[in-house]
Amino acid sequence: MVDQLTERLERCYTGVIHDILREMGLKDFTLPPELRPLLPGTKLAGPAFTLEGKTGEFDAHETLLAWTGLLSRAKPGHVWVCQPNTEGCALMGELSAETLKNKGVRGCVIDGLARDTEFMIDMGYQVYFKAYTPRDIVGFWQPKAVDEPIKIGDVWIRPGDYILADRDGVVRIPAEIIEEVLTKSETAITAENKVRTAILAGTDPQQAYLQFGKF
């Protein structure tokens, strides 16, 4: 069931999902625009595997044990969604991305930094993040919550909520309404295609909007 929903979501785009969620009366579902794709033009979709971290002074061995434990818990078919609560270190790099990709984790959304990005580009692994740094987590960062609700910008993301990310940004869809949102989005895409065809055929844009109820 998850795979089918993810496939349907991946055929949508963030603009139409945004419009449907707005029409349904939802608020605070668009993640901050500072989050940028490592692979522009490559979509990322799936249910969220959430984690949150903290900074401090930690034993190097303990930080790496905790980090590799996180990688072990990551769920295939999900999107790794991280609130690190810092911009002081990278929360994704080459070996971690290789591990997640091999486990079937679809990609990452990180409200923070990343490193080893050339390697991740070469392996075709999609990551949304804010900026680059070579600094790693060792002795500085540890997880404090896994598979619990996290907040990125104004958006609360619960485990299992759906994520769609493309070149325009990242949106969150509550798990309990994903099928309704998908059905309405697919209908909207069909209507938009009709509007596009009409405009290309020379129809006045306002007339096309009145005819199809979409623009």
C-alpha atoms as a PDB file:
ATOM      1  CA  MET A   1       0.000   0.000   0.000  1.00  0.00           C
ATOM      2  CA  VAL A   2       2.783   2.426   0.872  1.00  0.00           C
ATOM      3  CA  ASP A   3       4.584   1.751  -2.394  1.00  0.00           C
ATOM      4  CA  GLN A   4       1.463   2.445  -4.457  1.00  0.00           C
ATOM      5  CA  LEU A   5       0.749   5.708  -2.622  1.00  0.00           C
ATOM      6  CA  THR A   6       4.352   6.807  -3.003  1.00  0.00           C
ATOM      7  CA  GLU A   7       4.281   6.081  -6.731  1.00  0.00           C
ATOM      8  CA  ARG A   8       1.105   8.119  -7.140  1.00  0.00           C
ATOM      9  CA  LEU A   9       2.567  10.966  -5.099  1.00  0.00           C
ATOM     10  CA  GLU A  10       5.755  10.974  -7.148  1.00  0.00           C
ATOM     11  CA  ARG A  11       3.674  11.556 -10.295  1.00  0.00           C
ATOM     12  CA  CYS A  12       2.333  14.779  -8.735  1.00  0.00           C
ATOM     13  CA  TYR A  13       4.247  17.999  -8.108  1.00  0.00           C
ATOM     14  CA  THR A  14       4.476  20.260  -5.084  1.00  0.00           C
ATOM     15  CA  GLY A  15       2.501  23.106  -6.654  1.00  0.00           C
ATOM     16  CA  VAL A  16      -0.647  21.051  -7.163  1.00  0.00           C
ATOM     17  CA  ILE A  17      -0.319  19.342  -3.766  1.00  0.00           C
ATOM     18  CA  HIS A  18       0.047  22.780  -2.148  1.00  0.00           C
ATOM     19  CA  ASP A  19      -3.075  24.069  -3.888  1.00  0.00           C
ATOM     20  CA  ILE A  20      -5.139  21.053  -2.873  1.00  0.00           C
ATOM     21  CA  LEU A  21      -4.048  21.280   0.770  1.00  0.00           C
ATOM     22  CA  ARG A  22      -4.850  25.004   0.765  1.00  0.00           C
ATOM     23  CA  GLU A  23      -8.298  24.346  -0.734  1.00  0.00           C
ATOM     24  CA  MET A  24      -8.897  21.733   1.984  1.00  0.00           C
ATOM     25  CA  GLY A  25      -8.247  24.383   4.631  1.00  0.00           C
ATOM     26  CA  LEU A  26      -4.909  23.106   5.882  1.00  0.00           C
ATOM     27  CA  LYS A  27      -2.129  25.422   7.027  1.00  0.00           C
ATOM     28  CA  ASP A  28       1.597  25.108   7.698  1.00  0.00           C
ATOM     29  CA  PHE A  29       2.458  22.344   5.262  1.00  0.00           C
ATOM     30  CA  THR A  30       5.199  23.999   3.173  1.00  0.00           C
ATOM     31  CA  LEU A  31       8.743  23.584   4.486  1.00  0.00           C
ATOM     32  CA  PRO A  32      11.163  26.548   4.473  1.00  0.00           C
ATOM     33  CA  PRO A  33      12.394  27.648   1.026  1.00  0.00           C
ATOM     34  CA  GLU A  34      16.009  27.458   2.227  1.00  0.00           C
ATOM     35  CA  LEU A  35      15.838  23.689   1.701  1.00  0.00           C
ATOM     36  CA  ARG A  36      17.374  23.008  -1.702  1.00  0.00           C
ATOM     37  CA  PRO A  37      17.760  19.790  -3.722  1.00  0.00           C
ATOM     38  CA  LEU A  38      21.164  18.280  -4.281  1.00  0.00           C
ATOM     39  CA  LEU A  39      19.755  16.848  -7.538  1.00  0.00           C
ATOM     40  CA  PRO A  40      17.507  19.516  -9.129  1.00  0.00           C
ATOM     41  CA  GLY A  41      14.863  17.922 -11.307  1.00  0.00           C
ATOM     42  CA  THR A  42      14.717  14.710  -9.261  1.00  0.00           C
ATOM     43  CA  LYS A  43      11.596  14.272  -7.139  1.00  0.00           C
ATOM     44  CA  LEU A  44      11.566  12.752  -3.679  1.00  0.00           C
ATOM     45  CA  ALA A  45       8.411  11.196  -2.240  1.00  0.00           C
ATOM     46  CA  GLY A  46       7.404   8.832   0.534  1.00  0.00           C
ATOM     47  CA  PRO A  47       6.384   8.517   4.174  1.00  0.00           C
ATOM     48  CA  ALA A  48       8.629  10.201   6.731  1.00  0.00           C
ATOM     49  CA  PHE A  49      11.109   8.505   9.046  1.00  0.00           C
ATOM     50  CA  THR A  50      11.699  11.335  11.528  1.00  0.00           C
ATOM     51  CA  LEU A  51      14.605  12.137  13.796  1.00  0.00           C
ATOM     52  CA  GLU A  52      15.789  15.045  15.923  1.00  0.00           C
ATOM     53  CA  GLY A  53      19.166  15.796  17.449  1.00  0.00           C
ATOM     54  CA  LYS A  54      21.052  17.868  19.977  1.00  0.00           C
ATOM     55  CA  THR A  55      24.499  19.412  20.228  1.00  0.00           C
ATOM     56  CA  GLY A  56      26.988  19.245  23.064  1.00  0.00           C
ATOM     57  CA  GLU A  57      30.326  17.740  24.009  1.00  0.00           C
ATOM     58  CA  PHE A  58      30.172  13.998  23.545  1.00  0.00           C
ATOM     59  CA  ASP A  59      32.582  11.097  23.385  1.00  0.00           C
ATOM     60  CA  ALA A  60      33.585  10.513  19.751  1.00  0.00           C
ATOM     61  CA  HIS A  61      32.938   6.775  19.938  1.00  0.00           C
ATOM     62  CA  GLU A  62      29.504   7.311  21.469  1.00  0.00           C
ATOM     63  CA  THR A  63      28.463   9.761  18.745  1.00  0.00           C
ATOM     64  CA  LEU A  64      29.379   7.287  16.016  1.00  0.00           C
ATOM     65  CA  LEU A  65      27.631   4.432  17.820  1.00  0.00           C
ATOM     66  CA  ALA A  66      24.487   6.557  18.077  1.00  0.00           C
ATOM     67  CA  TRP A  67      24.716   7.625  14.432  1.00  0.00           C
ATOM     68  CA  THR A  68      25.207   4.126  13.063  1.00  0.00           C
ATOM     69  CA  GLY A  69      22.313   3.029  15.278  1.00  0.00           C
ATOM     70  CA  LEU A  70      20.140   5.620  13.552  1.00  0.00           C
ATOM     71  CA  LEU A  71      21.147   4.295  10.157  1.00  0.00           C
ATOM     72  CA  SER A  72      20.235   0.788  11.302  1.00  0.00           C
ATOM     73  CA  ARG A  73      16.737   1.945  12.338  1.00  0.00           C
ATOM     74  CA  ALA A  74      15.975   3.786   9.076  1.00  0.00           C
ATOM     75  CA  LYS A  75      12.954   2.341   7.269  1.00  0.00           C
ATOM     76  CA  PRO A  76      13.033   1.155   3.652  1.00  0.00           C
ATOM     77  CA  GLY A  77      10.609   2.992   1.390  1.00  0.00           C
ATOM     78  CA  HIS A  78      10.662   6.058   3.648  1.00  0.00           C
ATOM     79  CA  VAL A  79      12.186   9.532   3.468  1.00  0.00           C
ATOM     80  CA  TRP A  80      14.779  10.356   6.166  1.00  0.00           C
ATOM     81  CA  VAL A  81      13.557  13.653   7.669  1.00  0.00           C
ATOM     82  CA  CYS A  82      15.912  15.285  10.169  1.00  0.00           C
ATOM     83  CA  GLN A  83      15.671  18.275  12.506  1.00  0.00           C
ATOM     84  CA  PRO A  84      19.297  18.514  13.719  1.00  0.00           C
ATOM     85  CA  ASN A  85      18.748  21.745  15.684  1.00  0.00           C
ATOM     86  CA  THR A  86      22.110  22.990  14.475  1.00  0.00           C
ATOM     87  CA  GLU A  87      23.940  24.348  11.472  1.00  0.00           C
ATOM     88  CA  GLY A  88      27.267  23.462  13.035  1.00  0.00           C
ATOM     89  CA  CYS A  89      27.882  20.127  11.319  1.00  0.00           C
ATOM     90  CA  ALA A  90      26.845  17.968   8.387  1.00  0.00           C
ATOM     91  CA  LEU A  91      23.941  15.591   9.006  1.00  0.00           C
ATOM     92  CA  MET A  92      24.482  13.554   5.853  1.00  0.00           C
ATOM     93  CA  GLY A  93      27.567  12.356   4.009  1.00  0.00           C
ATOM     94  CA  GLU A  94      28.816   9.712   1.623  1.00  0.00           C
ATOM     95  CA  LEU A  95      28.912   6.556   3.762  1.00  0.00           C
ATOM     96  CA  SER A  96      25.600   7.367   5.423  1.00  0.00           C
ATOM     97  CA  ALA A  97      23.946   8.025   2.060  1.00  0.00           C
ATOM     98  CA  GLU A  98      25.361   4.773   0.654  1.00  0.00           C
ATOM     99  CA  THR A  99      23.947   2.923   3.658  1.00  0.00           C
ATOM    100  CA  LEU A 100      20.500   4.513   3.365  1.00  0.00           C
ATOM    101  CA  LYS A 101      20.351   3.985  -0.387  1.00  0.00           C
ATOM    102  CA  ASN A 102      21.258   0.310   0.003  1.00  0.00           C
ATOM    103  CA  LYS A 103      18.529  -0.040   2.658  1.00  0.00           C
ATOM    104  CA  GLY A 104      15.930   1.387   0.294  1.00  0.00           C
ATOM    105  CA  VAL A 105      15.531   4.760   2.017  1.00  0.00           C
ATOM    106  CA  ARG A 106      14.332   7.016  -0.787  1.00  0.00           C
ATOM    107  CA  GLY A 107      16.239  10.170   0.148  1.00  0.00           C
ATOM    108  CA  CYS A 108      16.728  12.782   2.853  1.00  0.00           C
ATOM    109  CA  VAL A 109      15.253  16.091   3.969  1.00  0.00           C
ATOM    110  CA  ILE A 110      17.545  17.806   6.474  1.00  0.00           C
ATOM    111  CA  ASP A 111      16.937  21.161   8.133  1.00  0.00           C
ATOM    112  CA  GLY A 112      20.680  21.643   8.200  1.00  0.00           C
ATOM    113  CA  LEU A 113      23.919  20.936   6.389  1.00  0.00           C
ATOM    114  CA  ALA A 114      25.493  18.150   4.326  1.00  0.00           C
ATOM    115  CA  ARG A 115      28.944  17.124   3.121  1.00  0.00           C
ATOM    116  CA  ASP A 116      30.491  14.688   0.613  1.00  0.00           C
ATOM    117  CA  THR A 117      27.945  16.031  -1.813  1.00  0.00           C
ATOM    118  CA  GLU A 118      29.941  15.214  -4.959  1.00  0.00           C
ATOM    119  CA  PHE A 119      29.845  11.559  -3.917  1.00  0.00           C
ATOM    120  CA  MET A 120      26.094  11.724  -3.339  1.00  0.00           C
ATOM    121  CA  ILE A 121      25.602  13.344  -6.737  1.00  0.00           C
ATOM    122  CA  ASP A 122      27.605  10.540  -8.334  1.00  0.00           C
ATOM    123  CA  MET A 123      25.458   7.898  -6.616  1.00  0.00           C
ATOM    124  CA  GLY A 124      22.255   9.754  -7.571  1.00  0.00           C
ATOM    125  CA  TYR A 125      21.015  10.098  -4.007  1.00  0.00           C
ATOM    126  CA  GLN A 126      18.589  12.957  -3.433  1.00  0.00           C
ATOM    127  CA  VAL A 127      19.085  15.150  -0.377  1.00  0.00           C
ATOM    128  CA  TYR A 128      17.338  18.405   0.501  1.00  0.00           C
ATOM    129  CA  PHE A 129      19.431  20.581   2.797  1.00  0.00           C
ATOM    130  CA  LYS A 130      20.405  24.189   3.525  1.00  0.00           C
ATOM    131  CA  ALA A 131      24.140  24.483   2.851  1.00  0.00           C
ATOM    132  CA  TYR A 132      27.502  22.723   2.800  1.00  0.00           C
ATOM    133  CA  THR A 133      30.174  22.089   5.405  1.00  0.00           C
ATOM    134  CA  PRO A 134      33.035  19.577   5.752  1.00  0.00           C
ATOM    135  CA  ARG A 135      32.503  19.337   9.522  1.00  0.00           C
ATOM    136  CA  ASP A 136      31.083  16.032  10.780  1.00  0.00           C
ATOM    137  CA  ILE A 137      29.069  15.124  13.883  1.00  0.00           C
ATOM    138  CA  VAL A 138      31.889  13.467  15.839  1.00  0.00           C
ATOM    139  CA  GLY A 139      31.967  14.683  19.434  1.00  0.00           C
ATOM    140  CA  PHE A 140      29.396  17.377  18.676  1.00  0.00           C
ATOM    141  CA  TRP A 141      25.958  15.908  17.836  1.00  0.00           C
ATOM    142  CA  GLN A 142      23.714  13.088  18.984  1.00  0.00           C
ATOM    143  CA  PRO A 143      20.121  12.027  18.294  1.00  0.00           C
ATOM    144  CA  LYS A 144      17.561  12.778  20.983  1.00  0.00           C
ATOM    145  CA  ALA A 145      14.347  11.510  19.362  1.00  0.00           C
ATOM    146  CA  VAL A 146      13.576   8.968  16.637  1.00  0.00           C
ATOM    147  CA  ASP A 147      10.227   8.292  14.985  1.00  0.00           C
ATOM    148  CA  GLU A 148       8.576  11.099  16.929  1.00  0.00           C
ATOM    149  CA  PRO A 149       6.993  14.332  15.647  1.00  0.00           C
ATOM    150  CA  ILE A 150       9.515  16.986  14.612  1.00  0.00           C
ATOM    151  CA  LYS A 151       9.136  20.587  13.487  1.00  0.00           C
ATOM    152  CA  ILE A 152      10.867  22.146  10.479  1.00  0.00           C
ATOM    153  CA  GLY A 153      10.048  25.819  10.079  1.00  0.00           C
ATOM    154  CA  ASP A 154       6.334  26.090  10.849  1.00  0.00           C
ATOM    155  CA  VAL A 155       5.611  22.513   9.806  1.00  0.00           C
ATOM    156  CA  TRP A 156       5.089  19.616  12.191  1.00  0.00           C
ATOM    157  CA  ILE A 157       5.984  16.282  10.607  1.00  0.00           C
ATOM    158  CA  ARG A 158       4.860  13.057  12.238  1.00  0.00           C
ATOM    159  CA  PRO A 159       6.279   9.621  11.491  1.00  0.00           C
ATOM    160  CA  GLY A 160       4.431   8.281   8.462  1.00  0.00           C
ATOM    161  CA  ASP A 161       3.262  11.654   7.155  1.00  0.00           C
ATOM    162  CA  TYR A 162       4.023  11.912   3.461  1.00  0.00           C
ATOM    163  CA  ILE A 163       6.700  14.106   1.947  1.00  0.00           C
ATOM    164  CA  LEU A 164       6.860  15.374  -1.615  1.00  0.00           C
ATOM    165  CA  ALA A 165       9.859  17.404  -2.728  1.00  0.00           C
ATOM    166  CA  ASP A 166      10.799  18.740  -6.142  1.00  0.00           C
ATOM    167  CA  ARG A 167      12.661  21.733  -7.566  1.00  0.00           C
ATOM    168  CA  ASP A 168      10.045  24.117  -6.116  1.00  0.00           C
ATOM    169  CA  GLY A 169      10.367  22.909  -2.521  1.00  0.00           C
ATOM    170  CA  VAL A 170       9.025  20.451   0.031  1.00  0.00           C
ATOM    171  CA  VAL A 171       5.482  19.814   1.297  1.00  0.00           C
ATOM    172  CA  ARG A 172       4.073  17.555   4.021  1.00  0.00           C
ATOM    173  CA  ILE A 173       0.796  15.664   3.645  1.00  0.00           C
ATOM    174  CA  PRO A 174      -0.840  14.231   6.784  1.00  0.00           C
ATOM    175  CA  ALA A 175      -0.938  10.443   6.531  1.00  0.00           C
ATOM    176  CA  GLU A 176      -4.654  10.216   7.312  1.00  0.00           C
ATOM    177  CA  ILE A 177      -5.656  12.250   4.226  1.00  0.00           C
ATOM    178  CA  ILE A 178      -3.021  11.106   1.724  1.00  0.00           C
ATOM    179  CA  GLU A 179      -5.468   9.166  -0.458  1.00  0.00           C
ATOM    180  CA  GLU A 180      -7.953  12.051  -0.585  1.00  0.00           C
ATOM    181  CA  VAL A 181      -5.173  14.504  -1.444  1.00  0.00           C
ATOM    182  CA  LEU A 182      -3.843  12.223  -4.172  1.00  0.00           C
ATOM    183  CA  THR A 183      -7.275  11.755  -5.746  1.00  0.00           C
ATOM    184  CA  LYS A 184      -7.972  15.490  -5.745  1.00  0.00           C
ATOM    185  CA  SER A 185      -4.477  16.268  -7.050  1.00  0.00           C
ATOM    186  CA  GLU A 186      -4.815  13.801  -9.905  1.00  0.00           C
ATOM    187  CA  THR A 187      -8.149  15.377 -10.846  1.00  0.00           C
ATOM    188  CA  ALA A 188      -6.571  18.844 -10.704  1.00  0.00           C
ATOM    189  CA  ILE A 189      -3.684  17.763 -12.938  1.00  0.00           C
ATOM    190  CA  THR A 190      -6.175  16.479 -15.524  1.00  0.00           C
ATOM    191  CA  ALA A 191      -8.006  19.823 -15.426  1.00  0.00           C
ATOM    192  CA  GLU A 192      -4.738  21.748 -15.762  1.00  0.00           C
ATOM    193  CA  ASN A 193      -3.842  19.683 -18.804  1.00  0.00           C
ATOM    194  CA  LYS A 194      -7.158  20.685 -20.394  1.00  0.00           C
ATOM    195  CA  VAL A 195      -6.492  24.362 -19.604  1.00  0.00           C
ATOM    196  CA  ARG A 196      -3.013  24.090 -21.114  1.00  0.00           C
ATOM    197  CA  THR A 197      -4.381  22.513 -24.277  1.00  0.00           C
ATOM    198  CA  ALA A 198      -7.042  25.210 -24.574  1.00  0.00           C
ATOM    199  CA  ILE A 199      -4.556  28.060 -24.107  1.00  0.00           C
ATOM    200  CA  LEU A 200      -2.172  26.592 -26.664  1.00  0.00           C
ATOM    201  CA  ALA A 201      -5.104  26.422 -29.053  1.00  0.00           C
ATOM    202  CA  GLY A 202      -5.695  30.166 -28.565  1.00  0.00           C
ATOM    203  CA  THR A 203      -8.435  30.217 -25.913  1.00  0.00           C
ATOM    204  CA  ASP A 204      -8.500  33.355 -23.754  1.00  0.00           C
ATOM    205  CA  PRO A 205      -6.984  32.497 -20.336  1.00  0.00           C
ATOM    206  CA  GLN A 206      -9.973  33.831 -18.389  1.00  0.00           C
ATOM    207  CA  GLN A 207     -12.347  31.905 -20.615  1.00  0.00           C
ATOM    208  CA  ALA A 208     -10.274  28.755 -20.081  1.00  0.00           C
ATOM    209  CA  TYR A 209     -10.394  29.279 -16.330  1.00  0.00           C
ATOM    210  CA  LEU A 210     -14.171  29.746 -16.367  1.00  0.00           C
ATOM    211  CA  GLN A 211     -14.600  26.679 -18.545  1.00  0.00           C
ATOM    212  CA  PHE A 212     -12.405  24.282 -16.567  1.00  0.00           C
ATOM    213  CA  GLY A 213     -12.325  25.904 -13.096  1.00  0.00           C
ATOM    214  CA  LYS A 214      -8.564  25.716 -12.911  1.00  0.00           C
ATOM    215  CA  PHE A 215      -5.585  27.922 -13.632  1.00  0.00           C
END
